[in-house]
Amino acid sequence: AGKDSQAMLDYVAECARAADVTSRVVVLHNNLGRAEWPGPEGLAKEQAAHYGFRFEERHRAQLLLEEIRARGMWPDARNRY
């Protein structure tokens, strides 16, 4: 929900309007639990509402550091968090 996300959402909104598919756009926030700064969920929800897009949020069962500990390595391009 930072400035890069806002810029991309604005671009997606522009493209979706041009293609007349705004009803198919969903803003998804993947909550990082304790690893997340306070506030991104609310900001992402506000941004979705601003454009009139549906908002959804996902939570993982495991925290990022728990997954790293279980795998023994950091996520990479093939094994995303």
Protein backbone atom coordinates (compact mmCIF):
# COMPACT_ATOMS: atom_id res chain seq x y z
CA ALA A 1 0.00 0.00 0.00
CA GLY A 2 2.99 2.29 -0.47
CA LYS A 3 3.72 4.75 -3.24
CA ASP A 4 4.66 2.03 -5.75
CA SER A 5 1.42 0.17 -5.06
CA GLN A 6 -0.56 3.39 -5.42
CA ALA A 7 1.12 4.21 -8.74
CA MET A 8 0.44 0.70 -10.07
CA LEU A 9 -3.16 0.78 -8.88
CA ASP A 10 -3.68 4.10 -10.67
CA TYR A 11 -2.26 2.60 -13.87
CA VAL A 12 -4.42 -0.54 -13.51
CA ALA A 13 -7.49 1.65 -12.96
CA GLU A 14 -6.72 3.62 -16.12
CA CYS A 15 -6.25 0.45 -18.18
CA ALA A 16 -9.35 -1.22 -16.69
CA ARG A 17 -11.49 1.81 -17.53
CA ALA A 18 -10.15 1.89 -21.08
CA ALA A 19 -10.98 -1.81 -21.49
CA ASP A 20 -14.32 -1.45 -19.66
CA VAL A 21 -13.41 -4.18 -17.15
CA THR A 22 -13.33 -2.28 -13.85
CA SER A 23 -15.79 -4.75 -12.34
CA ARG A 24 -13.12 -7.46 -12.65
CA VAL A 25 -10.40 -5.63 -10.68
CA VAL A 26 -9.68 -6.80 -7.13
CA VAL A 27 -7.23 -5.06 -4.79
CA LEU A 28 -5.54 -7.78 -2.74
CA HIS A 29 -3.59 -7.12 0.46
CA ASN A 30 -1.41 -10.00 1.67
CA ASN A 31 -1.07 -9.38 5.39
CA LEU A 32 2.37 -10.22 6.80
CA GLY A 33 1.16 -10.47 10.39
CA ARG A 34 3.70 -9.30 12.98
CA ALA A 35 6.24 -8.53 10.24
CA GLU A 36 3.99 -5.83 8.78
CA TRP A 37 4.15 -2.14 9.64
CA PRO A 38 0.96 -0.73 11.15
CA GLY A 39 -1.43 0.80 8.65
CA PRO A 40 -0.99 -0.83 5.21
CA GLU A 41 -4.24 -2.79 5.42
CA GLY A 42 -6.30 0.34 6.03
CA LEU A 43 -4.47 2.26 3.33
CA ALA A 44 -4.96 -0.52 0.76
CA LYS A 45 -8.66 -0.65 1.64
CA GLU A 46 -8.96 3.15 1.20
CA GLN A 47 -7.17 3.00 -2.15
CA ALA A 48 -9.49 0.26 -3.39
CA ALA A 49 -12.53 2.27 -2.30
CA HIS A 50 -11.19 5.38 -4.04
CA TYR A 51 -11.23 3.56 -7.37
CA GLY A 52 -14.41 1.63 -6.61
CA PHE A 53 -12.61 -1.72 -6.67
CA ARG A 54 -13.35 -4.76 -4.51
CA PHE A 55 -10.89 -5.26 -1.63
CA GLU A 56 -9.73 -8.61 -0.26
CA GLU A 57 -7.15 -9.53 2.32
CA ARG A 58 -5.23 -12.77 2.79
CA HIS A 59 -3.45 -14.11 5.86
CA ARG A 60 -0.98 -16.97 5.91
CA ALA A 61 -1.10 -19.66 8.56
CA GLN A 62 2.67 -19.33 9.10
CA LEU A 63 4.60 -16.13 9.65
CA LEU A 64 7.44 -15.35 7.25
CA LEU A 65 10.17 -16.13 9.79
CA GLU A 66 8.46 -19.41 10.74
CA GLU A 67 8.42 -20.43 7.09
CA ILE A 68 12.09 -19.51 6.67
CA ARG A 69 12.96 -21.57 9.73
CA ALA A 70 10.98 -24.57 8.40
CA ARG A 71 12.48 -24.37 4.90
CA GLY A 72 15.97 -23.49 6.10
CA MET A 73 16.24 -20.69 3.53
CA TRP A 74 14.72 -17.40 2.43
CA PRO A 75 11.97 -17.33 -0.22
CA ASP A 76 13.20 -16.98 -3.79
CA ALA A 77 11.68 -16.42 -7.23
CA ARG A 78 10.44 -20.03 -7.43
CA ASN A 79 9.29 -20.37 -3.81
CA ARG A 80 7.53 -17.14 -2.92
CA TYR A 81 6.18 -16.26 0.48
